[in-house]
Amino acid sequence: MKTVLCYGDSNTYGHVPETGLRYPRDVRYPGRLQMLLGDEYTVIEEGCNGRTTIQDDPIEGWKNGLDYLKPCLNSHKPVDIVVMMLGSNDLKTVFHLSAKEIAEAAGRLVDEIIEFAKEKQSFIPKIILVSPPEIGEGITRSPFAGSFDESAIERSRQFPEHYKRVADEKGCVFFDAAKCISPSEFDSLHLTPEAHKVLAEKLSEVILQLS
C-alpha cells in the first residue's frame, strides 16, 4: 500500500466558500482522490486554513507550512507521494511577495521533504508540486478583501511559470491547477465541489502514472 500525503491550505482542508465550514470527505479533493485511487493507496489529508509556505502570519504564526512539515512527514512515514499545493495565502497583502518569491518558498518546502526523507526513511517520495489555482477577479469584493488586494490576481496568474521552474530544478512533478479549476465566484479564493471533483480526477491520473 502506498501513502499519499496531501499537504496544503484551506483548499486541501475543504473550506466551503459560502459558509466557512468544511466540505464532507467525499466532496473535498483528497477524499475523492482516495476513492479514485482505491485500496492500494492511503490518502492523508493535511490541509490547514491560512497555511503559508514559509511565512509567519502576523496574527496566527502557527500557520507557517515549514514549521509543521517535518513533524507531519514523521507522523505518516513512510510517505510515497507528496501532493503539495501551497502559495495562495502568500499572496496576502501583508507579505508583499512576488510570484517568483512564493514559488521559491515552495521550493524550500521541497528541500525539507527531501532532507527529511534522506534522514528518516529509506527513499525520497515522489513530489507533485501543484501551482495553485488563480485568484478570482472578484477578490476585492469578496469576504477576503481585507487580506488580498487586486495585485493578487495577476501574481497568481504568474504562478505556473515560476512553479514549473522550481519543479524542474528540484526534480518534482509539476501540476498546474489553474489549467483545470477556478475558485468560486462567491469568494474568488476557495473551490466549488465541482472543482474539487475535477482536481481529484486530474491528480489521480498523475499519481497512477507515477506508480
Protein backbone atom coordinates (compact mmCIF):
# COMPACT_ATOMS: atom_id res chain seq x y z
CA MET A 1 0.00 0.00 0.00
CA LYS A 2 1.27 3.46 -0.90
CA THR A 3 0.82 6.56 1.23
CA VAL A 4 -0.13 9.83 -0.46
CA LEU A 5 0.20 12.96 1.68
CA CYS A 6 -1.83 15.97 0.54
CA TYR A 7 -0.18 18.99 2.16
CA GLY A 8 -1.91 22.30 1.64
CA ASP A 9 -4.09 25.13 2.83
CA SER A 10 -7.85 25.71 3.04
CA ASN A 11 -8.46 24.24 -0.40
CA THR A 12 -6.92 20.97 0.77
CA TYR A 13 -8.86 21.27 4.03
CA GLY A 14 -12.09 21.73 2.07
CA HIS A 15 -13.25 25.24 3.06
CA VAL A 16 -16.80 25.92 1.86
CA PRO A 17 -16.84 29.39 0.23
CA GLU A 18 -20.35 30.36 1.29
CA THR A 19 -20.26 29.23 4.92
CA GLY A 20 -16.63 28.84 6.01
CA LEU A 21 -17.43 25.30 7.14
CA ARG A 22 -15.86 22.13 5.74
CA TYR A 23 -16.99 20.02 2.80
CA PRO A 24 -17.62 16.34 3.62
CA ARG A 25 -14.73 14.00 2.90
CA ASP A 26 -16.39 12.62 -0.21
CA VAL A 27 -16.55 16.16 -1.65
CA ARG A 28 -13.14 17.59 -0.87
CA TYR A 29 -10.40 16.59 -3.27
CA PRO A 30 -8.24 14.35 -1.01
CA GLY A 31 -11.28 12.26 -0.10
CA ARG A 32 -12.31 11.94 -3.73
CA LEU A 33 -8.72 11.10 -4.58
CA GLN A 34 -8.89 8.21 -2.13
CA MET A 35 -11.99 6.87 -3.84
CA LEU A 36 -10.39 7.12 -7.27
CA LEU A 37 -7.09 5.51 -6.26
CA GLY A 38 -8.67 2.66 -4.34
CA ASP A 39 -7.45 0.32 -1.62
CA GLU A 40 -3.84 0.20 -2.81
CA TYR A 41 -3.37 3.78 -1.59
CA THR A 42 -3.87 5.64 1.67
CA VAL A 43 -4.57 9.32 1.11
CA ILE A 44 -3.79 11.55 4.08
CA GLU A 45 -5.36 15.00 4.33
CA GLU A 46 -3.15 17.69 5.83
CA GLY A 47 -4.92 20.92 4.94
CA CYS A 48 -4.93 23.97 7.22
CA ASN A 49 -6.88 27.16 6.62
CA GLY A 50 -4.50 30.07 6.06
CA ARG A 51 -1.36 27.92 5.77
CA THR A 52 1.52 29.64 4.01
CA THR A 53 4.71 28.21 2.54
CA ILE A 54 7.33 29.59 4.93
CA GLN A 55 5.78 32.86 6.08
CA ASP A 56 4.80 33.63 9.67
CA ASP A 57 1.30 35.04 9.72
CA PRO A 58 1.40 38.14 11.96
CA ILE A 59 -1.81 37.07 13.70
CA GLU A 60 -1.67 33.28 13.52
CA GLY A 61 2.01 32.40 13.23
CA TRP A 62 1.38 28.69 13.67
CA LYS A 63 0.14 28.51 10.07
CA ASN A 64 3.67 28.53 8.67
CA GLY A 65 3.86 25.44 6.45
CA LEU A 66 7.57 24.97 7.06
CA ASP A 67 7.24 24.57 10.82
CA TYR A 68 4.77 21.69 10.60
CA LEU A 69 6.15 19.89 7.57
CA LYS A 70 8.75 17.62 9.17
CA PRO A 71 6.57 16.62 12.14
CA CYS A 72 3.81 15.85 9.66
CA LEU A 73 6.08 13.71 7.50
CA ASN A 74 7.38 11.91 10.56
CA SER A 75 3.86 11.12 11.75
CA HIS A 76 2.93 9.49 8.48
CA LYS A 77 6.17 7.91 7.31
CA PRO A 78 6.92 6.13 5.12
CA VAL A 79 5.39 8.57 2.64
CA ASP A 80 5.48 7.53 -1.01
CA ILE A 81 3.97 10.59 -2.68
CA VAL A 82 3.53 14.19 -1.52
CA VAL A 83 0.98 16.41 -3.24
CA MET A 84 1.82 19.95 -2.16
CA MET A 85 -0.45 22.85 -3.03
CA LEU A 86 0.56 26.00 -1.17
CA GLY A 87 1.12 29.63 -2.12
CA SER A 88 -2.29 31.26 -2.31
CA ASN A 89 -2.07 32.67 1.22
CA ASP A 90 1.40 34.02 0.49
CA LEU A 91 -0.34 36.41 -1.91
CA LYS A 92 -1.84 38.29 1.03
CA THR A 93 -1.00 41.98 1.06
CA VAL A 94 0.76 41.72 4.41
CA PHE A 95 3.57 39.60 2.95
CA HIS A 96 4.44 41.79 -0.10
CA LEU A 97 5.70 38.78 -2.10
CA SER A 98 6.10 38.25 -5.83
CA ALA A 99 5.02 35.06 -7.57
CA LYS A 100 8.68 34.19 -8.03
CA GLU A 101 9.40 34.58 -4.31
CA ILE A 102 6.40 32.43 -3.41
CA ALA A 103 7.43 29.68 -5.81
CA GLU A 104 10.94 29.72 -4.36
CA ALA A 105 9.44 29.41 -0.88
CA ALA A 106 7.53 26.36 -2.08
CA GLY A 107 10.87 25.05 -3.30
CA ARG A 108 12.21 25.42 0.22
CA LEU A 109 9.49 23.03 1.37
CA VAL A 110 10.51 20.57 -1.33
CA ASP A 111 14.06 20.71 0.03
CA GLU A 112 12.71 19.94 3.51
CA ILE A 113 10.84 16.90 2.22
CA ILE A 114 13.96 15.57 0.51
CA GLU A 115 16.15 16.27 3.55
CA PHE A 116 13.69 14.55 5.87
CA ALA A 117 13.36 11.50 3.62
CA LYS A 118 17.11 11.05 3.42
CA GLU A 119 17.32 11.06 7.20
CA LYS A 120 14.15 9.28 8.30
CA GLN A 121 13.05 6.91 5.55
CA SER A 122 14.91 4.83 3.03
CA PHE A 123 13.67 6.61 -0.10
CA ILE A 124 12.65 10.04 -1.34
CA PRO A 125 8.93 10.34 -2.07
CA LYS A 126 7.66 11.46 -5.44
CA ILE A 127 6.71 15.11 -5.02
CA ILE A 128 3.90 16.67 -7.05
CA LEU A 129 4.34 20.43 -6.83
CA VAL A 130 0.97 21.99 -7.57
CA SER A 131 0.79 25.55 -8.84
CA PRO A 132 -2.36 26.83 -7.06
CA PRO A 133 -5.48 27.97 -8.90
CA GLU A 134 -5.74 31.63 -9.82
CA ILE A 135 -7.29 34.19 -7.51
CA GLY A 136 -10.67 35.23 -8.90
CA GLU A 137 -11.29 38.68 -10.32
CA GLY A 138 -13.79 39.48 -7.59
CA ILE A 139 -11.32 39.14 -4.72
CA THR A 140 -11.57 42.82 -3.73
CA ARG A 141 -15.33 42.37 -3.29
CA SER A 142 -15.12 39.02 -1.51
CA PRO A 143 -15.19 38.24 2.22
CA PHE A 144 -11.37 38.13 2.00
CA ALA A 145 -10.97 41.61 0.51
CA GLY A 146 -9.21 42.77 3.66
CA SER A 147 -6.40 40.28 3.13
CA PHE A 148 -5.88 40.39 -0.64
CA ASP A 149 -5.62 43.36 -2.97
CA GLU A 150 -6.13 43.39 -6.72
CA SER A 151 -2.46 42.65 -7.40
CA ALA A 152 -3.03 39.12 -6.05
CA ILE A 153 -4.96 38.29 -9.22
CA GLU A 154 -2.09 38.99 -11.59
CA ARG A 155 0.53 37.50 -9.29
CA SER A 156 -1.48 34.26 -9.08
CA ARG A 157 -1.52 34.13 -12.87
CA GLN A 158 2.26 34.14 -12.81
CA PHE A 159 2.44 31.06 -10.57
CA PRO A 160 2.68 28.38 -13.30
CA GLU A 161 5.84 29.82 -14.87
CA HIS A 162 7.69 30.05 -11.58
CA TYR A 163 6.38 26.84 -10.02
CA LYS A 164 7.34 24.88 -13.11
CA ARG A 165 10.86 26.27 -12.96
CA VAL A 166 11.18 25.26 -9.31
CA ALA A 167 9.70 21.81 -10.00
CA ASP A 168 12.15 21.23 -12.84
CA GLU A 169 15.10 22.38 -10.73
CA LYS A 170 14.17 20.08 -7.83
CA GLY A 171 13.07 17.04 -9.78
CA CYS A 172 9.39 17.30 -8.91
CA VAL A 173 6.34 16.54 -10.97
CA PHE A 174 4.74 19.85 -11.94
CA PHE A 175 0.96 20.22 -11.95
CA ASP A 176 -0.79 23.45 -12.99
CA ALA A 177 -4.13 23.52 -11.16
CA ALA A 178 -5.23 26.68 -12.97
CA LYS A 179 -5.46 24.70 -16.21
CA CYS A 180 -8.38 22.69 -14.90
CA ILE A 181 -10.02 24.56 -12.00
CA SER A 182 -11.00 28.05 -10.84
CA PRO A 183 -12.15 29.38 -7.48
CA SER A 184 -15.79 30.02 -6.65
CA GLU A 185 -17.40 33.26 -7.75
CA PHE A 186 -18.61 33.78 -4.20
CA ASP A 187 -15.22 34.45 -2.61
CA SER A 188 -12.73 34.24 -5.52
CA LEU A 189 -10.48 32.02 -3.42
CA HIS A 190 -11.98 28.67 -2.46
CA LEU A 191 -13.03 25.75 -4.61
CA THR A 192 -16.51 24.59 -5.51
CA PRO A 193 -17.50 20.91 -5.21
CA GLU A 194 -17.10 20.56 -8.97
CA ALA A 195 -13.56 21.98 -8.80
CA HIS A 196 -12.66 19.51 -6.04
CA LYS A 197 -14.01 16.70 -8.23
CA VAL A 198 -12.00 17.77 -11.27
CA LEU A 199 -8.82 18.33 -9.26
CA ALA A 200 -9.07 14.85 -7.74
CA GLU A 201 -9.61 13.29 -11.15
CA LYS A 202 -6.64 15.04 -12.73
CA LEU A 203 -4.33 14.32 -9.79
CA SER A 204 -5.34 10.67 -9.72
CA GLU A 205 -4.20 10.37 -13.34
CA VAL A 206 -0.82 11.85 -12.43
CA ILE A 207 -0.41 9.62 -9.38
CA LEU A 208 -1.31 6.44 -11.25
CA GLN A 209 1.27 7.30 -13.90
CA LEU A 210 3.90 7.52 -11.14
CA SER A 211 3.14 4.03 -9.89
